[in-house]
Amino acid sequence: MEKQVYIRIQEIDRAKCDYCGECSKFCEYNALFVVRPKDGIKGDVLSFPQLCHGCGGCTIVCPRDAITEQNRGI
């Protein structure tokens, strides 16, 4: 019998995110990289789900509750 197994990975709500970088600072595995808005450059969060270990710390430290978790099959 086979059973699908999941890891919880981050999903960014860019409508809530203010690109503060707290999630990126927290992540030990560099699964998130924040591009801060500056001089006409739009802010963004680059997510690398293959690097995420599913600890959930980024969801805890986000001051704007812009990060939720979703299942990724492993």
PDB file of N, CA and C in Angstrom:
ATOM      1  N   MET A   1       0.833  -1.178   0.000  1.00  0.00           N
ATOM      2  CA  MET A   1       0.000   0.000   0.000  1.00  0.00           C
ATOM      3  C   MET A   1       0.886   1.253   0.000  1.00  0.00           C
ATOM      4  N   GLU A   2       0.536   2.192  -0.848  1.00  0.00           N
ATOM      5  CA  GLU A   2       1.262   3.456  -0.914  1.00  0.00           C
ATOM      6  C   GLU A   2       0.425   4.563  -0.284  1.00  0.00           C
ATOM      7  N   LYS A   3       1.133   5.484   0.333  1.00  0.00           N
ATOM      8  CA  LYS A   3       0.465   6.625   0.940  1.00  0.00           C
ATOM      9  C   LYS A   3       1.239   7.881   0.577  1.00  0.00           C
ATOM     10  N   GLN A   4       0.524   8.916   0.135  1.00  0.00           N
ATOM     11  CA  GLN A   4       1.162  10.185  -0.205  1.00  0.00           C
ATOM     12  C   GLN A   4       1.583  10.889   1.084  1.00  0.00           C
ATOM     13  N   VAL A   5       2.798  11.418   1.105  1.00  0.00           N
ATOM     14  CA  VAL A   5       3.344  12.135   2.261  1.00  0.00           C
ATOM     15  C   VAL A   5       3.606  13.572   1.837  1.00  0.00           C
ATOM     16  N   TYR A   6       3.379  14.503   2.759  1.00  0.00           N
ATOM     17  CA  TYR A   6       3.503  15.923   2.446  1.00  0.00           C
ATOM     18  C   TYR A   6       4.442  16.629   3.416  1.00  0.00           C
ATOM     19  N   ILE A   7       4.965  17.738   2.948  1.00  0.00           N
ATOM     20  CA  ILE A   7       5.676  18.687   3.797  1.00  0.00           C
ATOM     21  C   ILE A   7       4.951  20.017   3.624  1.00  0.00           C
ATOM     22  N   ARG A   8       4.882  20.795   4.694  1.00  0.00           N
ATOM     23  CA  ARG A   8       4.228  22.100   4.628  1.00  0.00           C
ATOM     24  C   ARG A   8       5.243  23.126   4.159  1.00  0.00           C
ATOM     25  N   ILE A   9       4.924  23.841   3.066  1.00  0.00           N
ATOM     26  CA  ILE A   9       5.816  24.876   2.551  1.00  0.00           C
ATOM     27  C   ILE A   9       5.093  26.214   2.508  1.00  0.00           C
ATOM     28  N   GLN A  10       5.862  27.272   2.401  1.00  0.00           N
ATOM     29  CA  GLN A  10       5.335  28.620   2.476  1.00  0.00           C
ATOM     30  C   GLN A  10       4.616  29.036   1.198  1.00  0.00           C
ATOM     31  N   GLU A  11       3.585  29.869   1.394  1.00  0.00           N
ATOM     32  CA  GLU A  11       2.904  30.533   0.298  1.00  0.00           C
ATOM     33  C   GLU A  11       2.752  31.994   0.703  1.00  0.00           C
ATOM     34  N   ILE A  12       3.215  32.902  -0.163  1.00  0.00           N
ATOM     35  CA  ILE A  12       3.245  34.322   0.155  1.00  0.00           C
ATOM     36  C   ILE A  12       2.012  35.016  -0.420  1.00  0.00           C
ATOM     37  N   ASP A  13       1.333  35.795   0.412  1.00  0.00           N
ATOM     38  CA  ASP A  13       0.238  36.646  -0.046  1.00  0.00           C
ATOM     39  C   ASP A  13       0.842  38.018  -0.298  1.00  0.00           C
ATOM     40  N   ARG A  14       1.138  38.307  -1.545  1.00  0.00           N
ATOM     41  CA  ARG A  14       1.819  39.556  -1.889  1.00  0.00           C
ATOM     42  C   ARG A  14       0.956  40.795  -1.638  1.00  0.00           C
ATOM     43  N   ALA A  15      -0.341  40.625  -1.534  1.00  0.00           N
ATOM     44  CA  ALA A  15      -1.217  41.754  -1.210  1.00  0.00           C
ATOM     45  C   ALA A  15      -1.018  42.206   0.236  1.00  0.00           C
ATOM     46  N   LYS A  16      -0.617  41.307   1.115  1.00  0.00           N
ATOM     47  CA  LYS A  16      -0.375  41.629   2.518  1.00  0.00           C
ATOM     48  C   LYS A  16       1.090  41.954   2.805  1.00  0.00           C
ATOM     49  N   CYS A  17       1.995  41.416   2.019  1.00  0.00           N
ATOM     50  CA  CYS A  17       3.432  41.530   2.279  1.00  0.00           C
ATOM     51  C   CYS A  17       3.920  42.963   2.089  1.00  0.00           C
ATOM     52  N   ASP A  18       4.728  43.453   3.036  1.00  0.00           N
ATOM     53  CA  ASP A  18       5.343  44.772   2.888  1.00  0.00           C
ATOM     54  C   ASP A  18       6.854  44.662   2.651  1.00  0.00           C
ATOM     55  N   TYR A  19       7.328  43.446   2.386  1.00  0.00           N
ATOM     56  CA  TYR A  19       8.723  43.168   2.017  1.00  0.00           C
ATOM     57  C   TYR A  19       9.704  43.595   3.097  1.00  0.00           C
ATOM     58  N   CYS A  20       9.335  43.355   4.353  1.00  0.00           N
ATOM     59  CA  CYS A  20      10.197  43.728   5.481  1.00  0.00           C
ATOM     60  C   CYS A  20      11.435  42.833   5.584  1.00  0.00           C
ATOM     61  N   GLY A  21      11.330  41.584   5.113  1.00  0.00           N
ATOM     62  CA  GLY A  21      12.471  40.680   5.118  1.00  0.00           C
ATOM     63  C   GLY A  21      12.612  39.820   6.359  1.00  0.00           C
ATOM     64  N   GLU A  22      11.680  39.911   7.302  1.00  0.00           N
ATOM     65  CA  GLU A  22      11.775  39.110   8.532  1.00  0.00           C
ATOM     66  C   GLU A  22      11.778  37.611   8.226  1.00  0.00           C
ATOM     67  N   CYS A  23      10.989  37.186   7.265  1.00  0.00           N
ATOM     68  CA  CYS A  23      10.930  35.758   6.915  1.00  0.00           C
ATOM     69  C   CYS A  23      12.269  35.281   6.368  1.00  0.00           C
ATOM     70  N   SER A  24      12.858  36.090   5.525  1.00  0.00           N
ATOM     71  CA  SER A  24      14.143  35.739   4.927  1.00  0.00           C
ATOM     72  C   SER A  24      15.251  35.686   5.975  1.00  0.00           C
ATOM     73  N   LYS A  25      15.231  36.618   6.914  1.00  0.00           N
ATOM     74  CA  LYS A  25      16.221  36.624   7.999  1.00  0.00           C
ATOM     75  C   LYS A  25      16.096  35.371   8.862  1.00  0.00           C
ATOM     76  N   PHE A  26      14.857  34.940   9.093  1.00  0.00           N
ATOM     77  CA  PHE A  26      14.625  33.784   9.950  1.00  0.00           C
ATOM     78  C   PHE A  26      15.044  32.471   9.299  1.00  0.00           C
ATOM     79  N   CYS A  27      14.822  32.336   7.997  1.00  0.00           N
ATOM     80  CA  CYS A  27      14.986  31.049   7.319  1.00  0.00           C
ATOM     81  C   CYS A  27      16.446  30.596   7.275  1.00  0.00           C
ATOM     82  N   GLU A  28      16.734  29.500   7.955  1.00  0.00           N
ATOM     83  CA  GLU A  28      18.085  28.924   8.009  1.00  0.00           C
ATOM     84  C   GLU A  28      18.499  28.285   6.681  1.00  0.00           C
ATOM     85  N   TYR A  29      17.512  27.980   5.834  1.00  0.00           N
ATOM     86  CA  TYR A  29      17.773  27.211   4.620  1.00  0.00           C
ATOM     87  C   TYR A  29      17.693  28.048   3.343  1.00  0.00           C
ATOM     88  N   ASN A  30      17.561  29.371   3.498  1.00  0.00           N
ATOM     89  CA  ASN A  30      17.505  30.296   2.362  1.00  0.00           C
ATOM     90  C   ASN A  30      16.390  29.947   1.378  1.00  0.00           C
ATOM     91  N   ALA A  31      15.258  29.520   1.914  1.00  0.00           N
ATOM     92  CA  ALA A  31      14.114  29.172   1.074  1.00  0.00           C
ATOM     93  C   ALA A  31      13.315  30.399   0.658  1.00  0.00           C
ATOM     94  N   LEU A  32      13.631  31.556   1.254  1.00  0.00           N
ATOM     95  CA  LEU A  32      12.961  32.806   0.920  1.00  0.00           C
ATOM     96  C   LEU A  32      14.002  33.894   0.717  1.00  0.00           C
ATOM     97  N   PHE A  33      13.781  34.707  -0.306  1.00  0.00           N
ATOM     98  CA  PHE A  33      14.649  35.859  -0.556  1.00  0.00           C
ATOM     99  C   PHE A  33      13.750  37.047  -0.849  1.00  0.00           C
ATOM    100  N   VAL A  34      13.923  38.121  -0.094  1.00  0.00           N
ATOM    101  CA  VAL A  34      13.073  39.297  -0.236  1.00  0.00           C
ATOM    102  C   VAL A  34      13.812  40.376  -1.012  1.00  0.00           C
ATOM    103  N   VAL A  35      13.158  40.854  -2.068  1.00  0.00           N
ATOM    104  CA  VAL A  35      13.646  42.003  -2.836  1.00  0.00           C
ATOM    105  C   VAL A  35      12.868  43.200  -2.324  1.00  0.00           C
ATOM    106  N   ARG A  36      13.555  44.101  -1.661  1.00  0.00           N
ATOM    107  CA  ARG A  36      12.881  45.258  -1.078  1.00  0.00           C
ATOM    108  C   ARG A  36      12.667  46.328  -2.140  1.00  0.00           C
ATOM    109  N   PRO A  37      11.500  46.981  -2.126  1.00  0.00           N
ATOM    110  CA  PRO A  37      11.233  48.026  -3.117  1.00  0.00           C
ATOM    111  C   PRO A  37      12.156  49.221  -2.900  1.00  0.00           C
ATOM    112  N   LYS A  38      12.689  49.749  -4.009  1.00  0.00           N
ATOM    113  CA  LYS A  38      13.598  50.885  -3.920  1.00  0.00           C
ATOM    114  C   LYS A  38      13.750  51.522  -5.297  1.00  0.00           C
ATOM    115  N   ASP A  39      13.731  52.831  -5.348  1.00  0.00           N
ATOM    116  CA  ASP A  39      13.981  53.591  -6.572  1.00  0.00           C
ATOM    117  C   ASP A  39      13.202  53.064  -7.770  1.00  0.00           C
ATOM    118  N   GLY A  40      11.904  52.874  -7.585  1.00  0.00           N
ATOM    119  CA  GLY A  40      11.054  52.426  -8.676  1.00  0.00           C
ATOM    120  C   GLY A  40      11.069  50.934  -8.936  1.00  0.00           C
ATOM    121  N   ILE A  41      11.884  50.191  -8.194  1.00  0.00           N
ATOM    122  CA  ILE A  41      11.912  48.730  -8.339  1.00  0.00           C
ATOM    123  C   ILE A  41      10.834  48.146  -7.428  1.00  0.00           C
ATOM    124  N   LYS A  42      10.006  47.327  -8.000  1.00  0.00           N
ATOM    125  CA  LYS A  42       8.915  46.705  -7.252  1.00  0.00           C
ATOM    126  C   LYS A  42       9.460  45.631  -6.315  1.00  0.00           C
ATOM    127  N   GLY A  43       8.937  45.570  -5.100  1.00  0.00           N
ATOM    128  CA  GLY A  43       9.338  44.544  -4.157  1.00  0.00           C
ATOM    129  C   GLY A  43       8.794  43.178  -4.556  1.00  0.00           C
ATOM    130  N   ASP A  44       9.455  42.139  -4.093  1.00  0.00           N
ATOM    131  CA  ASP A  44       9.009  40.781  -4.381  1.00  0.00           C
ATOM    132  C   ASP A  44       9.618  39.829  -3.358  1.00  0.00           C
ATOM    133  N   VAL A  45       9.025  38.658  -3.259  1.00  0.00           N
ATOM    134  CA  VAL A  45       9.564  37.589  -2.429  1.00  0.00           C
ATOM    135  C   VAL A  45       9.793  36.395  -3.340  1.00  0.00           C
ATOM    136  N   LEU A  46      11.030  35.948  -3.400  1.00  0.00           N
ATOM    137  CA  LEU A  46      11.363  34.759  -4.174  1.00  0.00           C
ATOM    138  C   LEU A  46      11.313  33.575  -3.226  1.00  0.00           C
ATOM    139  N   SER A  47      10.557  32.580  -3.628  1.00  0.00           N
ATOM    140  CA  SER A  47      10.358  31.391  -2.809  1.00  0.00           C
ATOM    141  C   SER A  47      11.003  30.192  -3.496  1.00  0.00           C
ATOM    142  N   PHE A  48      11.752  29.412  -2.724  1.00  0.00           N
ATOM    143  CA  PHE A  48      12.420  28.221  -3.237  1.00  0.00           C
ATOM    144  C   PHE A  48      11.902  27.019  -2.451  1.00  0.00           C
ATOM    145  N   PRO A  49      10.740  26.465  -2.874  1.00  0.00           N
ATOM    146  CA  PRO A  49      10.106  25.402  -2.096  1.00  0.00           C
ATOM    147  C   PRO A  49      10.965  24.158  -1.918  1.00  0.00           C
ATOM    148  N   GLN A  50      11.868  23.887  -2.844  1.00  0.00           N
ATOM    149  CA  GLN A  50      12.727  22.709  -2.722  1.00  0.00           C
ATOM    150  C   GLN A  50      13.745  22.861  -1.587  1.00  0.00           C
ATOM    151  N   LEU A  51      13.965  24.089  -1.113  1.00  0.00           N
ATOM    152  CA  LEU A  51      14.873  24.325   0.016  1.00  0.00           C
ATOM    153  C   LEU A  51      14.151  24.361   1.362  1.00  0.00           C
ATOM    154  N   CYS A  52      12.837  24.505   1.319  1.00  0.00           N
ATOM    155  CA  CYS A  52      12.035  24.624   2.537  1.00  0.00           C
ATOM    156  C   CYS A  52      12.014  23.296   3.294  1.00  0.00           C
ATOM    157  N   HIS A  53      12.262  23.366   4.612  1.00  0.00           N
ATOM    158  CA  HIS A  53      12.225  22.191   5.471  1.00  0.00           C
ATOM    159  C   HIS A  53      10.918  22.082   6.253  1.00  0.00           C
ATOM    160  N   GLY A  54       9.994  23.011   6.018  1.00  0.00           N
ATOM    161  CA  GLY A  54       8.669  22.931   6.616  1.00  0.00           C
ATOM    162  C   GLY A  54       8.594  23.239   8.093  1.00  0.00           C
ATOM    163  N   CYS A  55       9.507  24.042   8.615  1.00  0.00           N
ATOM    164  CA  CYS A  55       9.507  24.329  10.053  1.00  0.00           C
ATOM    165  C   CYS A  55       8.371  25.266  10.453  1.00  0.00           C
ATOM    166  N   GLY A  56       7.888  26.107   9.531  1.00  0.00           N
ATOM    167  CA  GLY A  56       6.801  27.029   9.821  1.00  0.00           C
ATOM    168  C   GLY A  56       7.230  28.317  10.494  1.00  0.00           C
ATOM    169  N   GLY A  57       8.521  28.492  10.700  1.00  0.00           N
ATOM    170  CA  GLY A  57       9.009  29.694  11.375  1.00  0.00           C
ATOM    171  C   GLY A  57       8.697  30.975  10.636  1.00  0.00           C
ATOM    172  N   CYS A  58       8.728  30.938   9.324  1.00  0.00           N
ATOM    173  CA  CYS A  58       8.453  32.140   8.540  1.00  0.00           C
ATOM    174  C   CYS A  58       7.021  32.623   8.761  1.00  0.00           C
ATOM    175  N   THR A  59       6.097  31.697   8.943  1.00  0.00           N
ATOM    176  CA  THR A  59       4.705  32.089   9.191  1.00  0.00           C
ATOM    177  C   THR A  59       4.559  32.733  10.563  1.00  0.00           C
ATOM    178  N   ILE A  60       5.392  32.316  11.505  1.00  0.00           N
ATOM    179  CA  ILE A  60       5.334  32.870  12.860  1.00  0.00           C
ATOM    180  C   ILE A  60       5.931  34.269  12.920  1.00  0.00           C
ATOM    181  N   VAL A  61       7.059  34.491  12.244  1.00  0.00           N
ATOM    182  CA  VAL A  61       7.747  35.779  12.354  1.00  0.00           C
ATOM    183  C   VAL A  61       7.168  36.867  11.450  1.00  0.00           C
ATOM    184  N   CYS A  62       6.331  36.513  10.493  1.00  0.00           N
ATOM    185  CA  CYS A  62       5.773  37.514   9.582  1.00  0.00           C
ATOM    186  C   CYS A  62       4.829  38.446  10.336  1.00  0.00           C
ATOM    187  N   PRO A  63       5.162  39.742  10.434  1.00  0.00           N
ATOM    188  CA  PRO A  63       4.331  40.668  11.208  1.00  0.00           C
ATOM    189  C   PRO A  63       3.006  41.008  10.524  1.00  0.00           C
ATOM    190  N   ARG A  64       2.869  40.709   9.241  1.00  0.00           N
ATOM    191  CA  ARG A  64       1.649  41.061   8.504  1.00  0.00           C
ATOM    192  C   ARG A  64       0.793  39.833   8.174  1.00  0.00           C
ATOM    193  N   ASP A  65       1.149  38.673   8.709  1.00  0.00           N
ATOM    194  CA  ASP A  65       0.424  37.430   8.427  1.00  0.00           C
ATOM    195  C   ASP A  65       0.262  37.195   6.932  1.00  0.00           C
ATOM    196  N   ALA A  66       1.332  37.465   6.194  1.00  0.00           N
ATOM    197  CA  ALA A  66       1.306  37.333   4.738  1.00  0.00           C
ATOM    198  C   ALA A  66       1.762  35.953   4.273  1.00  0.00           C
ATOM    199  N   ILE A  67       2.123  35.086   5.216  1.00  0.00           N
ATOM    200  CA  ILE A  67       2.625  33.763   4.836  1.00  0.00           C
ATOM    201  C   ILE A  67       1.702  32.691   5.415  1.00  0.00           C
ATOM    202  N   THR A  68       1.246  31.823   4.546  1.00  0.00           N
ATOM    203  CA  THR A  68       0.495  30.647   4.967  1.00  0.00           C
ATOM    204  C   THR A  68       1.259  29.433   4.483  1.00  0.00           C
ATOM    205  N   GLU A  69       0.781  28.267   4.847  1.00  0.00           N
ATOM    206  CA  GLU A  69       1.460  27.044   4.441  1.00  0.00           C
ATOM    207  C   GLU A  69       0.550  26.210   3.556  1.00  0.00           C
ATOM    208  N   GLN A  70       1.156  25.513   2.625  1.00  0.00           N
ATOM    209  CA  GLN A  70       0.426  24.595   1.745  1.00  0.00           C
ATOM    210  C   GLN A  70       1.169  23.281   1.704  1.00  0.00           C
ATOM    211  N   ASN A  71       0.487  22.224   1.339  1.00  0.00           N
ATOM    212  CA  ASN A  71       1.110  20.909   1.243  1.00  0.00           C
ATOM    213  C   ASN A  71       1.874  20.759  -0.069  1.00  0.00           C
ATOM    214  N   ARG A  72       3.052  20.152   0.026  1.00  0.00           N
ATOM    215  CA  ARG A  72       3.815  19.763  -1.156  1.00  0.00           C
ATOM    216  C   ARG A  72       4.172  18.286  -0.982  1.00  0.00           C
ATOM    217  N   GLY A  73       3.811  17.496  -1.962  1.00  0.00           N
ATOM    218  CA  GLY A  73       4.101  16.068  -1.887  1.00  0.00           C
ATOM    219  C   GLY A  73       5.595  15.791  -1.940  1.00  0.00           C
ATOM    220  N   ILE A  74       6.032  14.827  -1.142  1.00  0.00           N
ATOM    221  CA  ILE A  74       7.432  14.433  -1.163  1.00  0.00           C
ATOM    222  C   ILE A  74       7.536  12.944  -1.400  1.00  0.00           C
TER     223      ILE A  74
END
